[in-house]
Amino acid sequence: MYLIILQRLFGEALLDLVYFPVWWYSGGWKYAGSRCLVWLKAGNRTLAPGLWLQNLFVPMFGQTDWQGKIISFFMRGVQIVARTLALILWTIICAVVWLIWIFLPVIALYGLVRSLTPGV
């Protein structure tokens, strides 16, 4: 009885070892890309430079005098530039995370081989 269970366990483990690279570079790659897109959309929703751009000429706090309009225009301009740069940085971070996902098994295998080979 126990022999059958052990055979099944070792068979499943061997199958998982063989199937892991196939899953990592197909379904896992797609999943990681979709999660990065979700992060990117969340960053765009949080920073919302387009919303700031839509309201560029709307006076802040309902001040319709010329001083309030000038101050709100420049403040929103600074906000648009800063939020756009932050969104670009967030896009780069998401792309780097996705690239790390792609190359992580290769890096881990390289580290394993390097640690097991003496004097290299």
C-alpha atoms as a PDB file:
ATOM      1  CA  MET A   1       0.000   0.000   0.000  1.00  0.00           C
ATOM      2  CA  TYR A   2       2.687   2.486   1.007  1.00  0.00           C
ATOM      3  CA  LEU A   3       4.755   1.573  -2.035  1.00  0.00           C
ATOM      4  CA  ILE A   4       1.928   2.631  -4.347  1.00  0.00           C
ATOM      5  CA  ILE A   5       1.541   5.924  -2.493  1.00  0.00           C
ATOM      6  CA  LEU A   6       5.295   6.623  -2.682  1.00  0.00           C
ATOM      7  CA  GLN A   7       5.361   5.768  -6.377  1.00  0.00           C
ATOM      8  CA  ARG A   8       2.464   8.117  -6.996  1.00  0.00           C
ATOM      9  CA  LEU A   9       4.102  10.915  -4.988  1.00  0.00           C
ATOM     10  CA  PHE A  10       7.429  10.591  -6.793  1.00  0.00           C
ATOM     11  CA  GLY A  11       5.658  10.375 -10.153  1.00  0.00           C
ATOM     12  CA  GLU A  12       3.688  13.541  -9.435  1.00  0.00           C
ATOM     13  CA  ALA A  13       6.836  15.334  -8.256  1.00  0.00           C
ATOM     14  CA  LEU A  14       8.707  14.310 -11.406  1.00  0.00           C
ATOM     15  CA  LEU A  15       5.794  15.410 -13.578  1.00  0.00           C
ATOM     16  CA  ASP A  16       5.710  18.773 -11.766  1.00  0.00           C
ATOM     17  CA  LEU A  17       9.449  19.240 -12.355  1.00  0.00           C
ATOM     18  CA  VAL A  18       9.054  18.569 -16.046  1.00  0.00           C
ATOM     19  CA  TYR A  19       5.894  20.655 -16.423  1.00  0.00           C
ATOM     20  CA  PHE A  20       7.160  23.650 -14.419  1.00  0.00           C
ATOM     21  CA  PRO A  21       9.115  25.380 -17.246  1.00  0.00           C
ATOM     22  CA  VAL A  22       6.228  24.844 -19.647  1.00  0.00           C
ATOM     23  CA  TRP A  23       3.791  26.454 -17.214  1.00  0.00           C
ATOM     24  CA  TRP A  24       6.201  29.262 -16.241  1.00  0.00           C
ATOM     25  CA  TYR A  25       6.704  30.412 -19.827  1.00  0.00           C
ATOM     26  CA  SER A  26       3.085  29.961 -20.965  1.00  0.00           C
ATOM     27  CA  GLY A  27       0.330  30.315 -18.387  1.00  0.00           C
ATOM     28  CA  GLY A  28       2.530  31.858 -15.706  1.00  0.00           C
ATOM     29  CA  TRP A  29       3.958  34.392 -18.141  1.00  0.00           C
ATOM     30  CA  LYS A  30       0.459  35.375 -19.220  1.00  0.00           C
ATOM     31  CA  TYR A  31      -0.684  35.604 -15.592  1.00  0.00           C
ATOM     32  CA  ALA A  32       2.291  37.787 -14.614  1.00  0.00           C
ATOM     33  CA  GLY A  33       1.645  40.062 -17.598  1.00  0.00           C
ATOM     34  CA  SER A  34      -2.018  40.433 -16.692  1.00  0.00           C
ATOM     35  CA  ARG A  35      -1.106  41.245 -13.071  1.00  0.00           C
ATOM     36  CA  CYS A  36       1.380  43.875 -14.267  1.00  0.00           C
ATOM     37  CA  LEU A  37      -1.354  45.406 -16.427  1.00  0.00           C
ATOM     38  CA  VAL A  38      -3.665  45.465 -13.392  1.00  0.00           C
ATOM     39  CA  TRP A  39      -0.918  47.256 -11.420  1.00  0.00           C
ATOM     40  CA  LEU A  40      -0.440  49.696 -14.283  1.00  0.00           C
ATOM     41  CA  LYS A  41      -4.167  50.452 -14.480  1.00  0.00           C
ATOM     42  CA  ALA A  42      -4.286  50.936 -10.705  1.00  0.00           C
ATOM     43  CA  GLY A  43      -1.367  53.345 -10.935  1.00  0.00           C
ATOM     44  CA  ASN A  44      -3.119  55.265 -13.695  1.00  0.00           C
ATOM     45  CA  ARG A  45      -6.313  55.390 -11.626  1.00  0.00           C
ATOM     46  CA  THR A  46      -4.377  56.610  -8.589  1.00  0.00           C
ATOM     47  CA  LEU A  47      -2.240  59.229 -10.330  1.00  0.00           C
ATOM     48  CA  ALA A  48      -4.829  60.225 -12.984  1.00  0.00           C
ATOM     49  CA  PRO A  49      -2.819  62.726 -15.058  1.00  0.00           C
ATOM     50  CA  GLY A  50      -5.600  62.781 -17.664  1.00  0.00           C
ATOM     51  CA  LEU A  51      -8.124  63.969 -15.112  1.00  0.00           C
ATOM     52  CA  TRP A  52      -5.796  66.775 -14.078  1.00  0.00           C
ATOM     53  CA  LEU A  53      -5.346  67.663 -17.748  1.00  0.00           C
ATOM     54  CA  GLN A  54      -9.128  67.844 -18.252  1.00  0.00           C
ATOM     55  CA  ASN A  55      -9.417  70.342 -15.399  1.00  0.00           C
ATOM     56  CA  LEU A  56      -6.393  72.437 -16.341  1.00  0.00           C
ATOM     57  CA  PHE A  57      -8.377  75.617 -16.991  1.00  0.00           C
ATOM     58  CA  VAL A  58     -10.953  75.141 -14.220  1.00  0.00           C
ATOM     59  CA  PRO A  59     -10.274  77.457 -11.270  1.00  0.00           C
ATOM     60  CA  MET A  60      -9.420  75.740  -8.005  1.00  0.00           C
ATOM     61  CA  PHE A  61     -11.722  76.174  -5.004  1.00  0.00           C
ATOM     62  CA  GLY A  62     -14.184  78.160  -7.118  1.00  0.00           C
ATOM     63  CA  GLN A  63     -12.023  81.269  -7.212  1.00  0.00           C
ATOM     64  CA  THR A  64     -12.903  82.929 -10.469  1.00  0.00           C
ATOM     65  CA  ASP A  65     -10.682  86.004 -10.152  1.00  0.00           C
ATOM     66  CA  TRP A  66      -7.637  86.236 -12.402  1.00  0.00           C
ATOM     67  CA  GLN A  67      -5.151  85.502  -9.586  1.00  0.00           C
ATOM     68  CA  GLY A  68      -6.959  82.281  -8.681  1.00  0.00           C
ATOM     69  CA  LYS A  69      -7.066  81.193 -12.322  1.00  0.00           C
ATOM     70  CA  ILE A  70      -3.336  81.811 -12.807  1.00  0.00           C
ATOM     71  CA  ILE A  71      -2.365  80.017  -9.590  1.00  0.00           C
ATOM     72  CA  SER A  72      -4.614  77.035 -10.354  1.00  0.00           C
ATOM     73  CA  PHE A  73      -3.284  76.802 -13.932  1.00  0.00           C
ATOM     74  CA  PHE A  74       0.340  76.645 -12.801  1.00  0.00           C
ATOM     75  CA  MET A  75      -0.374  74.328  -9.872  1.00  0.00           C
ATOM     76  CA  ARG A  76      -2.244  71.924 -12.105  1.00  0.00           C
ATOM     77  CA  GLY A  77       0.542  72.161 -14.685  1.00  0.00           C
ATOM     78  CA  VAL A  78       3.079  71.131 -12.056  1.00  0.00           C
ATOM     79  CA  GLN A  79       0.776  68.321 -10.909  1.00  0.00           C
ATOM     80  CA  ILE A  80       0.328  67.056 -14.477  1.00  0.00           C
ATOM     81  CA  VAL A  81       4.081  66.961 -15.107  1.00  0.00           C
ATOM     82  CA  ALA A  82       4.832  65.292 -11.761  1.00  0.00           C
ATOM     83  CA  ARG A  83       2.043  62.726 -12.080  1.00  0.00           C
ATOM     84  CA  THR A  84       2.990  61.905 -15.667  1.00  0.00           C
ATOM     85  CA  LEU A  85       6.608  61.327 -14.624  1.00  0.00           C
ATOM     86  CA  ALA A  86       5.435  59.173 -11.707  1.00  0.00           C
ATOM     87  CA  LEU A  87       3.245  57.142 -14.078  1.00  0.00           C
ATOM     88  CA  ILE A  88       6.184  56.652 -16.454  1.00  0.00           C
ATOM     89  CA  LEU A  89       8.304  55.476 -13.518  1.00  0.00           C
ATOM     90  CA  TRP A  90       5.508  53.125 -12.430  1.00  0.00           C
ATOM     91  CA  THR A  91       5.314  51.728 -15.989  1.00  0.00           C
ATOM     92  CA  ILE A  92       9.056  51.071 -15.948  1.00  0.00           C
ATOM     93  CA  ILE A  93       8.774  49.335 -12.551  1.00  0.00           C
ATOM     94  CA  CYS A  94       5.947  47.120 -13.841  1.00  0.00           C
ATOM     95  CA  ALA A  95       7.975  46.209 -16.934  1.00  0.00           C
ATOM     96  CA  VAL A  96      11.024  45.371 -14.807  1.00  0.00           C
ATOM     97  CA  VAL A  97       8.923  43.155 -12.527  1.00  0.00           C
ATOM     98  CA  TRP A  98       7.594  41.334 -15.574  1.00  0.00           C
ATOM     99  CA  LEU A  99      11.128  40.891 -16.982  1.00  0.00           C
ATOM    100  CA  ILE A 100      12.305  39.559 -13.628  1.00  0.00           C
ATOM    101  CA  TRP A 101       9.468  37.045 -13.797  1.00  0.00           C
ATOM    102  CA  ILE A 102      10.655  35.928 -17.220  1.00  0.00           C
ATOM    103  CA  PHE A 103      14.323  35.520 -16.295  1.00  0.00           C
ATOM    104  CA  LEU A 104      13.970  34.307 -12.693  1.00  0.00           C
ATOM    105  CA  PRO A 105      14.159  30.539 -13.443  1.00  0.00           C
ATOM    106  CA  VAL A 106      17.204  31.083 -15.659  1.00  0.00           C
ATOM    107  CA  ILE A 107      18.927  33.127 -12.941  1.00  0.00           C
ATOM    108  CA  ALA A 108      18.045  30.535 -10.291  1.00  0.00           C
ATOM    109  CA  LEU A 109      19.327  27.675 -12.468  1.00  0.00           C
ATOM    110  CA  TYR A 110      22.548  29.578 -13.163  1.00  0.00           C
ATOM    111  CA  GLY A 111      23.051  30.169  -9.429  1.00  0.00           C
ATOM    112  CA  LEU A 112      22.380  26.508  -8.676  1.00  0.00           C
ATOM    113  CA  VAL A 113      24.829  25.271 -11.309  1.00  0.00           C
ATOM    114  CA  ARG A 114      27.441  27.803 -10.233  1.00  0.00           C
ATOM    115  CA  SER A 115      27.148  26.815  -6.581  1.00  0.00           C
ATOM    116  CA  LEU A 116      27.437  23.114  -7.378  1.00  0.00           C
ATOM    117  CA  THR A 117      30.504  23.396  -9.618  1.00  0.00           C
ATOM    118  CA  PRO A 118      33.679  23.851  -7.544  1.00  0.00           C
ATOM    119  CA  GLY A 119      36.360  26.270  -8.653  1.00  0.00           C
ATOM    120  CA  VAL A 120      34.382  28.008 -11.391  1.00  0.00           C
END
